[in-house]
Amino acid sequence: MVNRVDSIELGMPYYILQIADYDVDCVIPFELKQNQPFDQGERFSQIRYGSQVDLVIPLSPRFQFTPTQSEHMHVEGGVDTLVRISPRIPRNGGA
């Protein structure tokens, strides 16, 4: 299941890809409707038992995204941060 999140603060969307484990074989979306807003930290679906959730953030000329977790770390949705967002500093006259 792919969820598109439109971020007003970033001025661009990002995506949450939920991949259910082969034993689970389903993602349970909650009662959100298409284009319905939800708040940060609010639950929007559920998967279990070793399933995977990927955060897909497109590259941005305005912002730099720095990971806050090491690879393969277990994180808890709505609790652990995944990226630090900072404005890109423009380069003046050079490479």
PDB file of N, CA and C in Angstrom:
ATOM      1  N   MET A   1       0.853  -1.160   0.000  1.00  0.00           N
ATOM      2  CA  MET A   1       0.000   0.000   0.000  1.00  0.00           C
ATOM      3  C   MET A   1       0.904   1.229   0.000  1.00  0.00           C
ATOM      4  N   VAL A   2       0.592   2.196  -0.853  1.00  0.00           N
ATOM      5  CA  VAL A   2       1.348   3.442  -0.924  1.00  0.00           C
ATOM      6  C   VAL A   2       0.437   4.569  -0.457  1.00  0.00           C
ATOM      7  N   ASN A   3       0.918   5.363   0.479  1.00  0.00           N
ATOM      8  CA  ASN A   3       0.194   6.529   0.973  1.00  0.00           C
ATOM      9  C   ASN A   3       0.969   7.777   0.590  1.00  0.00           C
ATOM     10  N   ARG A   4       0.306   8.708  -0.060  1.00  0.00           N
ATOM     11  CA  ARG A   4       0.922   9.999  -0.410  1.00  0.00           C
ATOM     12  C   ARG A   4       0.557  10.998   0.675  1.00  0.00           C
ATOM     13  N   VAL A   5       1.559  11.694   1.189  1.00  0.00           N
ATOM     14  CA  VAL A   5       1.341  12.710   2.224  1.00  0.00           C
ATOM     15  C   VAL A   5       1.768  14.045   1.634  1.00  0.00           C
ATOM     16  N   ASP A   6       0.826  14.967   1.510  1.00  0.00           N
ATOM     17  CA  ASP A   6       1.130  16.310   1.014  1.00  0.00           C
ATOM     18  C   ASP A   6       1.518  17.182   2.197  1.00  0.00           C
ATOM     19  N   SER A   7       2.740  17.658   2.203  1.00  0.00           N
ATOM     20  CA  SER A   7       3.255  18.468   3.301  1.00  0.00           C
ATOM     21  C   SER A   7       3.223  19.942   2.927  1.00  0.00           C
ATOM     22  N   ILE A   8       2.445  20.714   3.641  1.00  0.00           N
ATOM     23  CA  ILE A   8       2.377  22.157   3.411  1.00  0.00           C
ATOM     24  C   ILE A   8       3.719  22.798   3.754  1.00  0.00           C
ATOM     25  N   GLU A   9       4.345  22.359   4.842  1.00  0.00           N
ATOM     26  CA  GLU A   9       5.610  22.938   5.285  1.00  0.00           C
ATOM     27  C   GLU A   9       6.726  22.736   4.257  1.00  0.00           C
ATOM     28  N   LEU A  10       6.756  21.552   3.627  1.00  0.00           N
ATOM     29  CA  LEU A  10       7.796  21.262   2.638  1.00  0.00           C
ATOM     30  C   LEU A  10       7.422  21.751   1.250  1.00  0.00           C
ATOM     31  N   GLY A  11       6.133  21.926   1.015  1.00  0.00           N
ATOM     32  CA  GLY A  11       5.676  22.335  -0.308  1.00  0.00           C
ATOM     33  C   GLY A  11       5.807  21.229  -1.341  1.00  0.00           C
ATOM     34  N   MET A  12       5.806  19.984  -0.878  1.00  0.00           N
ATOM     35  CA  MET A  12       5.921  18.824  -1.760  1.00  0.00           C
ATOM     36  C   MET A  12       5.400  17.594  -1.034  1.00  0.00           C
ATOM     37  N   PRO A  13       5.032  16.561  -1.789  1.00  0.00           N
ATOM     38  CA  PRO A  13       4.571  15.341  -1.131  1.00  0.00           C
ATOM     39  C   PRO A  13       5.737  14.417  -0.780  1.00  0.00           C
ATOM     40  N   TYR A  14       5.483  13.523   0.161  1.00  0.00           N
ATOM     41  CA  TYR A  14       6.359  12.385   0.392  1.00  0.00           C
ATOM     42  C   TYR A  14       5.472  11.159   0.480  1.00  0.00           C
ATOM     43  N   TYR A  15       6.060   9.984   0.521  1.00  0.00           N
ATOM     44  CA  TYR A  15       5.283   8.757   0.395  1.00  0.00           C
ATOM     45  C   TYR A  15       5.641   7.773   1.499  1.00  0.00           C
ATOM     46  N   ILE A  16       4.640   7.017   1.937  1.00  0.00           N
ATOM     47  CA  ILE A  16       4.829   5.959   2.914  1.00  0.00           C
ATOM     48  C   ILE A  16       4.428   4.660   2.231  1.00  0.00           C
ATOM     49  N   LEU A  17       5.397   3.770   2.050  1.00  0.00           N
ATOM     50  CA  LEU A  17       5.170   2.489   1.388  1.00  0.00           C
ATOM     51  C   LEU A  17       5.100   1.412   2.454  1.00  0.00           C
ATOM     52  N   GLN A  18       3.968   0.708   2.528  1.00  0.00           N
ATOM     53  CA  GLN A  18       3.780  -0.347   3.522  1.00  0.00           C
ATOM     54  C   GLN A  18       3.797  -1.696   2.808  1.00  0.00           C
ATOM     55  N   ILE A  19       4.704  -2.570   3.234  1.00  0.00           N
ATOM     56  CA  ILE A  19       4.861  -3.884   2.625  1.00  0.00           C
ATOM     57  C   ILE A  19       4.572  -4.932   3.688  1.00  0.00           C
ATOM     58  N   ALA A  20       3.495  -5.694   3.495  1.00  0.00           N
ATOM     59  CA  ALA A  20       3.120  -6.722   4.456  1.00  0.00           C
ATOM     60  C   ALA A  20       4.005  -7.948   4.272  1.00  0.00           C
ATOM     61  N   ASP A  21       4.387  -8.570   5.372  1.00  0.00           N
ATOM     62  CA  ASP A  21       5.141  -9.811   5.358  1.00  0.00           C
ATOM     63  C   ASP A  21       4.302 -10.894   4.668  1.00  0.00           C
ATOM     64  N   TYR A  22       4.938 -11.883   4.067  1.00  0.00           N
ATOM     65  CA  TYR A  22       4.189 -12.908   3.329  1.00  0.00           C
ATOM     66  C   TYR A  22       3.239 -13.696   4.223  1.00  0.00           C
ATOM     67  N   ASP A  23       3.513 -13.797   5.532  1.00  0.00           N
ATOM     68  CA  ASP A  23       2.593 -14.478   6.453  1.00  0.00           C
ATOM     69  C   ASP A  23       1.389 -13.602   6.803  1.00  0.00           C
ATOM     70  N   VAL A  24       1.559 -12.297   6.696  1.00  0.00           N
ATOM     71  CA  VAL A  24       0.494 -11.365   7.072  1.00  0.00           C
ATOM     72  C   VAL A  24      -0.443 -11.147   5.895  1.00  0.00           C
ATOM     73  N   ASP A  25       0.093 -10.925   4.731  1.00  0.00           N
ATOM     74  CA  ASP A  25      -0.569 -10.733   3.450  1.00  0.00           C
ATOM     75  C   ASP A  25      -1.684  -9.690   3.414  1.00  0.00           C
ATOM     76  N   CYS A  26      -1.632  -8.701   4.302  1.00  0.00           N
ATOM     77  CA  CYS A  26      -2.566  -7.585   4.173  1.00  0.00           C
ATOM     78  C   CYS A  26      -2.107  -6.400   5.015  1.00  0.00           C
ATOM     79  N   VAL A  27      -2.513  -5.237   4.584  1.00  0.00           N
ATOM     80  CA  VAL A  27      -2.331  -3.996   5.325  1.00  0.00           C
ATOM     81  C   VAL A  27      -3.740  -3.530   5.669  1.00  0.00           C
ATOM     82  N   ILE A  28      -3.971  -3.175   6.918  1.00  0.00           N
ATOM     83  CA  ILE A  28      -5.312  -2.782   7.352  1.00  0.00           C
ATOM     84  C   ILE A  28      -5.386  -1.268   7.423  1.00  0.00           C
ATOM     85  N   PRO A  29      -5.987  -0.622   6.406  1.00  0.00           N
ATOM     86  CA  PRO A  29      -6.145   0.836   6.490  1.00  0.00           C
ATOM     87  C   PRO A  29      -7.283   1.185   7.429  1.00  0.00           C
ATOM     88  N   PHE A  30      -7.118   2.273   8.157  1.00  0.00           N
ATOM     89  CA  PHE A  30      -8.195   2.746   9.013  1.00  0.00           C
ATOM     90  C   PHE A  30      -9.182   3.519   8.160  1.00  0.00           C
ATOM     91  N   GLU A  31     -10.159   4.107   8.741  1.00  0.00           N
ATOM     92  CA  GLU A  31     -11.269   4.714   8.015  1.00  0.00           C
ATOM     93  C   GLU A  31     -10.977   6.093   7.432  1.00  0.00           C
ATOM     94  N   LEU A  32      -9.748   6.340   6.985  1.00  0.00           N
ATOM     95  CA  LEU A  32      -9.450   7.596   6.313  1.00  0.00           C
ATOM     96  C   LEU A  32      -9.940   7.521   4.875  1.00  0.00           C
ATOM     97  N   LYS A  33     -10.456   8.597   4.399  1.00  0.00           N
ATOM     98  CA  LYS A  33     -10.921   8.655   3.018  1.00  0.00           C
ATOM     99  C   LYS A  33      -9.885   9.375   2.162  1.00  0.00           C
ATOM    100  N   GLN A  34     -10.000   9.245   0.848  1.00  0.00           N
ATOM    101  CA  GLN A  34      -9.092   9.902  -0.089  1.00  0.00           C
ATOM    102  C   GLN A  34      -9.011  11.395   0.215  1.00  0.00           C
ATOM    103  N   ASN A  35      -7.814  11.928   0.280  1.00  0.00           N
ATOM    104  CA  ASN A  35      -7.547  13.358   0.520  1.00  0.00           C
ATOM    105  C   ASN A  35      -8.016  13.854   1.881  1.00  0.00           C
ATOM    106  N   GLN A  36      -8.262  12.974   2.806  1.00  0.00           N
ATOM    107  CA  GLN A  36      -8.650  13.390   4.154  1.00  0.00           C
ATOM    108  C   GLN A  36      -7.391  13.721   4.951  1.00  0.00           C
ATOM    109  N   PRO A  37      -7.324  14.895   5.570  1.00  0.00           N
ATOM    110  CA  PRO A  37      -6.128  15.245   6.337  1.00  0.00           C
ATOM    111  C   PRO A  37      -6.018  14.424   7.629  1.00  0.00           C
ATOM    112  N   PHE A  38      -4.789  14.227   8.071  1.00  0.00           N
ATOM    113  CA  PHE A  38      -4.555  13.632   9.380  1.00  0.00           C
ATOM    114  C   PHE A  38      -3.358  14.321  10.007  1.00  0.00           C
ATOM    115  N   ASP A  39      -3.278  14.256  11.322  1.00  0.00           N
ATOM    116  CA  ASP A  39      -2.236  14.962  12.062  1.00  0.00           C
ATOM    117  C   ASP A  39      -0.987  14.109  12.211  1.00  0.00           C
ATOM    118  N   GLN A  40       0.140  14.791  12.413  1.00  0.00           N
ATOM    119  CA  GLN A  40       1.391  14.089  12.657  1.00  0.00           C
ATOM    120  C   GLN A  40       1.230  13.204  13.885  1.00  0.00           C
ATOM    121  N   GLY A  41       1.688  11.980  13.795  1.00  0.00           N
ATOM    122  CA  GLY A  41       1.594  11.033  14.897  1.00  0.00           C
ATOM    123  C   GLY A  41       0.280  10.276  14.942  1.00  0.00           C
ATOM    124  N   GLU A  42      -0.684  10.650  14.102  1.00  0.00           N
ATOM    125  CA  GLU A  42      -1.980   9.975  14.072  1.00  0.00           C
ATOM    126  C   GLU A  42      -1.848   8.674  13.287  1.00  0.00           C
ATOM    127  N   ARG A  43      -2.489   7.620  13.759  1.00  0.00           N
ATOM    128  CA  ARG A  43      -2.441   6.331  13.064  1.00  0.00           C
ATOM    129  C   ARG A  43      -3.353   6.354  11.855  1.00  0.00           C
ATOM    130  N   PHE A  44      -2.883   5.748  10.750  1.00  0.00           N
ATOM    131  CA  PHE A  44      -3.705   5.704   9.541  1.00  0.00           C
ATOM    132  C   PHE A  44      -3.858   4.294   8.990  1.00  0.00           C
ATOM    133  N   SER A  45      -3.046   3.335   9.464  1.00  0.00           N
ATOM    134  CA  SER A  45      -3.204   1.937   9.071  1.00  0.00           C
ATOM    135  C   SER A  45      -2.369   1.066   9.996  1.00  0.00           C
ATOM    136  N   GLN A  46      -2.474  -0.249   9.795  1.00  0.00           N
ATOM    137  CA  GLN A  46      -1.765  -1.167  10.666  1.00  0.00           C
ATOM    138  C   GLN A  46      -1.264  -2.366   9.865  1.00  0.00           C
ATOM    139  N   ILE A  47      -0.015  -2.749  10.113  1.00  0.00           N
ATOM    140  CA  ILE A  47       0.540  -4.004   9.617  1.00  0.00           C
ATOM    141  C   ILE A  47       1.320  -4.619  10.774  1.00  0.00           C
ATOM    142  N   ARG A  48       1.572  -5.930  10.709  1.00  0.00           N
ATOM    143  CA  ARG A  48       2.200  -6.610  11.844  1.00  0.00           C
ATOM    144  C   ARG A  48       3.264  -7.600  11.410  1.00  0.00           C
ATOM    145  N   TYR A  49       3.920  -8.171  12.414  1.00  0.00           N
ATOM    146  CA  TYR A  49       4.778  -9.341  12.278  1.00  0.00           C
ATOM    147  C   TYR A  49       5.882  -9.211  11.247  1.00  0.00           C
ATOM    148  N   GLY A  50       6.796  -8.319  11.456  1.00  0.00           N
ATOM    149  CA  GLY A  50       7.960  -8.244  10.588  1.00  0.00           C
ATOM    150  C   GLY A  50       7.715  -7.556   9.265  1.00  0.00           C
ATOM    151  N   SER A  51       6.582  -6.911   9.119  1.00  0.00           N
ATOM    152  CA  SER A  51       6.320  -6.182   7.889  1.00  0.00           C
ATOM    153  C   SER A  51       7.212  -4.963   7.823  1.00  0.00           C
ATOM    154  N   GLN A  52       7.200  -4.298   6.685  1.00  0.00           N
ATOM    155  CA  GLN A  52       8.148  -3.216   6.432  1.00  0.00           C
ATOM    156  C   GLN A  52       7.408  -1.957   6.023  1.00  0.00           C
ATOM    157  N   VAL A  53       7.897  -0.828   6.511  1.00  0.00           N
ATOM    158  CA  VAL A  53       7.372   0.470   6.101  1.00  0.00           C
ATOM    159  C   VAL A  53       8.555   1.309   5.628  1.00  0.00           C
ATOM    160  N   ASP A  54       8.464   1.823   4.401  1.00  0.00           N
ATOM    161  CA  ASP A  54       9.522   2.659   3.835  1.00  0.00           C
ATOM    162  C   ASP A  54       9.019   4.082   3.710  1.00  0.00           C
ATOM    163  N   LEU A  55       9.866   5.023   4.044  1.00  0.00           N
ATOM    164  CA  LEU A  55       9.581   6.441   3.866  1.00  0.00           C
ATOM    165  C   LEU A  55      10.318   6.889   2.615  1.00  0.00           C
ATOM    166  N   VAL A  56       9.579   7.428   1.647  1.00  0.00           N
ATOM    167  CA  VAL A  56      10.169   7.861   0.383  1.00  0.00           C
ATOM    168  C   VAL A  56      10.034   9.375   0.294  1.00  0.00           C
ATOM    169  N   ILE A  57      11.168  10.066   0.376  1.00  0.00           N
ATOM    170  CA  ILE A  57      11.185  11.529   0.319  1.00  0.00           C
ATOM    171  C   ILE A  57      11.908  11.940  -0.958  1.00  0.00           C
ATOM    172  N   PRO A  58      11.207  12.608  -1.879  1.00  0.00           N
ATOM    173  CA  PRO A  58      11.874  13.053  -3.104  1.00  0.00           C
ATOM    174  C   PRO A  58      12.978  14.069  -2.792  1.00  0.00           C
ATOM    175  N   LEU A  59      13.984  14.110  -3.642  1.00  0.00           N
ATOM    176  CA  LEU A  59      15.043  15.105  -3.485  1.00  0.00           C
ATOM    177  C   LEU A  59      14.447  16.505  -3.603  1.00  0.00           C
ATOM    178  N   SER A  60      15.037  17.440  -2.903  1.00  0.00           N
ATOM    179  CA  SER A  60      14.521  18.801  -2.890  1.00  0.00           C
ATOM    180  C   SER A  60      15.663  19.793  -3.065  1.00  0.00           C
ATOM    181  N   PRO A  61      15.463  20.807  -3.904  1.00  0.00           N
ATOM    182  CA  PRO A  61      16.482  21.850  -4.016  1.00  0.00           C
ATOM    183  C   PRO A  61      16.471  22.796  -2.810  1.00  0.00           C
ATOM    184  N   ARG A  62      15.385  22.795  -2.051  1.00  0.00           N
ATOM    185  CA  ARG A  62      15.236  23.716  -0.912  1.00  0.00           C
ATOM    186  C   ARG A  62      15.662  23.128   0.425  1.00  0.00           C
ATOM    187  N   PHE A  63      15.548  21.798   0.571  1.00  0.00           N
ATOM    188  CA  PHE A  63      15.798  21.164   1.868  1.00  0.00           C
ATOM    189  C   PHE A  63      16.814  20.038   1.752  1.00  0.00           C
ATOM    190  N   GLN A  64      17.523  19.827   2.853  1.00  0.00           N
ATOM    191  CA  GLN A  64      18.431  18.698   2.973  1.00  0.00           C
ATOM    192  C   GLN A  64      17.836  17.754   4.006  1.00  0.00           C
ATOM    193  N   PHE A  65      17.795  16.459   3.690  1.00  0.00           N
ATOM    194  CA  PHE A  65      17.248  15.457   4.592  1.00  0.00           C
ATOM    195  C   PHE A  65      18.386  14.580   5.089  1.00  0.00           C
ATOM    196  N   THR A  66      18.596  14.570   6.407  1.00  0.00           N
ATOM    197  CA  THR A  66      19.679  13.803   7.016  1.00  0.00           C
ATOM    198  C   THR A  66      19.079  12.706   7.887  1.00  0.00           C
ATOM    199  N   PRO A  67      19.415  11.430   7.648  1.00  0.00           N
ATOM    200  CA  PRO A  67      18.873  10.351   8.475  1.00  0.00           C
ATOM    201  C   PRO A  67      19.274  10.515   9.939  1.00  0.00           C
ATOM    202  N   THR A  68      18.349  10.185  10.830  1.00  0.00           N
ATOM    203  CA  THR A  68      18.638  10.242  12.269  1.00  0.00           C
ATOM    204  C   THR A  68      18.806   8.848  12.871  1.00  0.00           C
ATOM    205  N   GLN A  69      18.570   7.810  12.074  1.00  0.00           N
ATOM    206  CA  GLN A  69      18.702   6.425  12.542  1.00  0.00           C
ATOM    207  C   GLN A  69      19.706   5.694  11.668  1.00  0.00           C
ATOM    208  N   SER A  70      20.364   4.700  12.239  1.00  0.00           N
ATOM    209  CA  SER A  70      21.263   3.842  11.471  1.00  0.00           C
ATOM    210  C   SER A  70      20.439   2.828  10.678  1.00  0.00           C
ATOM    211  N   GLU A  71      21.052   2.267   9.630  1.00  0.00           N
ATOM    212  CA  GLU A  71      20.369   1.228   8.857  1.00  0.00           C
ATOM    213  C   GLU A  71      20.011   0.052   9.750  1.00  0.00           C
ATOM    214  N   HIS A  72      18.884  -0.580   9.442  1.00  0.00           N
ATOM    215  CA  HIS A  72      18.402  -1.796  10.091  1.00  0.00           C
ATOM    216  C   HIS A  72      18.007  -1.593  11.552  1.00  0.00           C
ATOM    217  N   MET A  73      17.822  -0.343  11.979  1.00  0.00           N
ATOM    218  CA  MET A  73      17.374  -0.078  13.350  1.00  0.00           C
ATOM    219  C   MET A  73      15.862  -0.258  13.425  1.00  0.00           C
ATOM    220  N   HIS A  74      15.384  -0.783  14.528  1.00  0.00           N
ATOM    221  CA  HIS A  74      13.943  -0.878  14.761  1.00  0.00           C
ATOM    222  C   HIS A  74      13.472   0.486  15.252  1.00  0.00           C
ATOM    223  N   VAL A  75      12.461   1.029  14.610  1.00  0.00           N
ATOM    224  CA  VAL A  75      11.905   2.310  15.023  1.00  0.00           C
ATOM    225  C   VAL A  75      10.417   2.151  15.263  1.00  0.00           C
ATOM    226  N   GLU A  76       9.871   3.008  16.100  1.00  0.00           N
ATOM    227  CA  GLU A  76       8.442   2.971  16.400  1.00  0.00           C
ATOM    228  C   GLU A  76       7.766   4.167  15.763  1.00  0.00           C
ATOM    229  N   GLY A  77       6.767   3.896  14.917  1.00  0.00           N
ATOM    230  CA  GLY A  77       6.036   4.958  14.224  1.00  0.00           C
ATOM    231  C   GLY A  77       5.394   5.936  15.191  1.00  0.00           C
ATOM    232  N   GLY A  78       5.543   7.217  14.909  1.00  0.00           N
ATOM    233  CA  GLY A  78       4.975   8.250  15.760  1.00  0.00           C
ATOM    234  C   GLY A  78       5.813   8.561  16.982  1.00  0.00           C
ATOM    235  N   VAL A  79       6.919   7.819  17.180  1.00  0.00           N
ATOM    236  CA  VAL A  79       7.780   8.025  18.352  1.00  0.00           C
ATOM    237  C   VAL A  79       9.194   8.405  17.920  1.00  0.00           C
ATOM    238  N   ASP A  80       9.791   7.590  17.061  1.00  0.00           N
ATOM    239  CA  ASP A  80      11.180   7.802  16.642  1.00  0.00           C
ATOM    240  C   ASP A  80      11.247   8.677  15.390  1.00  0.00           C
ATOM    241  N   THR A  81      12.190   9.606  15.373  1.00  0.00           N
ATOM    242  CA  THR A  81      12.400  10.419  14.173  1.00  0.00           C
ATOM    243  C   THR A  81      13.207   9.621  13.159  1.00  0.00           C
ATOM    244  N   LEU A  82      12.994   9.920  11.887  1.00  0.00           N
ATOM    245  CA  LEU A  82      13.724   9.233  10.826  1.00  0.00           C
ATOM    246  C   LEU A  82      14.681  10.158  10.088  1.00  0.00           C
ATOM    247  N   VAL A  83      14.289  11.422   9.919  1.00  0.00           N
ATOM    248  CA  VAL A  83      15.136  12.383   9.209  1.00  0.00           C
ATOM    249  C   VAL A  83      15.121  13.739   9.908  1.00  0.00           C
ATOM    250  N   ARG A  84      16.237  14.435   9.749  1.00  0.00           N
ATOM    251  CA  ARG A  84      16.321  15.836  10.181  1.00  0.00           C
ATOM    252  C   ARG A  84      16.216  16.662   8.911  1.00  0.00           C
ATOM    253  N   ILE A  85      15.344  17.647   8.924  1.00  0.00           N
ATOM    254  CA  ILE A  85      15.118  18.501   7.756  1.00  0.00           C
ATOM    255  C   ILE A  85      15.748  19.852   8.030  1.00  0.00           C
ATOM    256  N   SER A  86      16.610  20.288   7.122  1.00  0.00           N
ATOM    257  CA  SER A  86      17.236  21.601   7.268  1.00  0.00           C
ATOM    258  C   SER A  86      17.263  22.284   5.908  1.00  0.00           C
ATOM    259  N   PRO A  87      17.218  23.624   5.901  1.00  0.00           N
ATOM    260  CA  PRO A  87      17.280  24.335   4.621  1.00  0.00           C
ATOM    261  C   PRO A  87      18.643  24.152   3.983  1.00  0.00           C
ATOM    262  N   ARG A  88      18.653  24.032   2.668  1.00  0.00           N
ATOM    263  CA  ARG A  88      19.928  23.946   1.942  1.00  0.00           C
ATOM    264  C   ARG A  88      20.554  25.332   1.907  1.00  0.00           C
ATOM    265  N   ILE A  89      21.849  25.370   2.089  1.00  0.00           N
ATOM    266  CA  ILE A  89      22.584  26.635   2.015  1.00  0.00           C
ATOM    267  C   ILE A  89      23.011  26.810   0.574  1.00  0.00           C
ATOM    268  N   PRO A  90      22.592  27.914  -0.092  1.00  0.00           N
ATOM    269  CA  PRO A  90      22.972  28.097  -1.483  1.00  0.00           C
ATOM    270  C   PRO A  90      24.476  28.279  -1.634  1.00  0.00           C
ATOM    271  N   ARG A  91      25.007  27.667  -2.668  1.00  0.00           N
ATOM    272  CA  ARG A  91      26.430  27.825  -2.971  1.00  0.00           C
ATOM    273  C   ARG A  91      26.594  29.040  -3.844  1.00  0.00           C
ATOM    274  N   ASN A  92      27.555  29.864  -3.520  1.00  0.00           N
ATOM    275  CA  ASN A  92      27.798  31.103  -4.289  1.00  0.00           C
ATOM    276  C   ASN A  92      28.942  30.907  -5.266  1.00  0.00           C
ATOM    277  N   GLY A  93      28.618  30.972  -6.549  1.00  0.00           N
ATOM    278  CA  GLY A  93      29.618  31.021  -7.624  1.00  0.00           C
ATOM    279  C   GLY A  93      30.584  29.882  -7.718  1.00  0.00           C
ATOM    280  N   GLY A  94      30.215  28.670  -7.402  1.00  0.00           N
ATOM    281  CA  GLY A  94      31.187  27.599  -7.573  1.00  0.00           C
ATOM    282  C   GLY A  94      30.564  26.231  -7.478  1.00  0.00           C
ATOM    283  N   ALA A  95      31.411  25.241  -7.590  1.00  0.00           N
ATOM    284  CA  ALA A  95      30.949  23.849  -7.573  1.00  0.00           C
ATOM    285  C   ALA A  95      30.787  23.320  -6.205  1.00  0.00           C
TER     286      ALA A  95
END
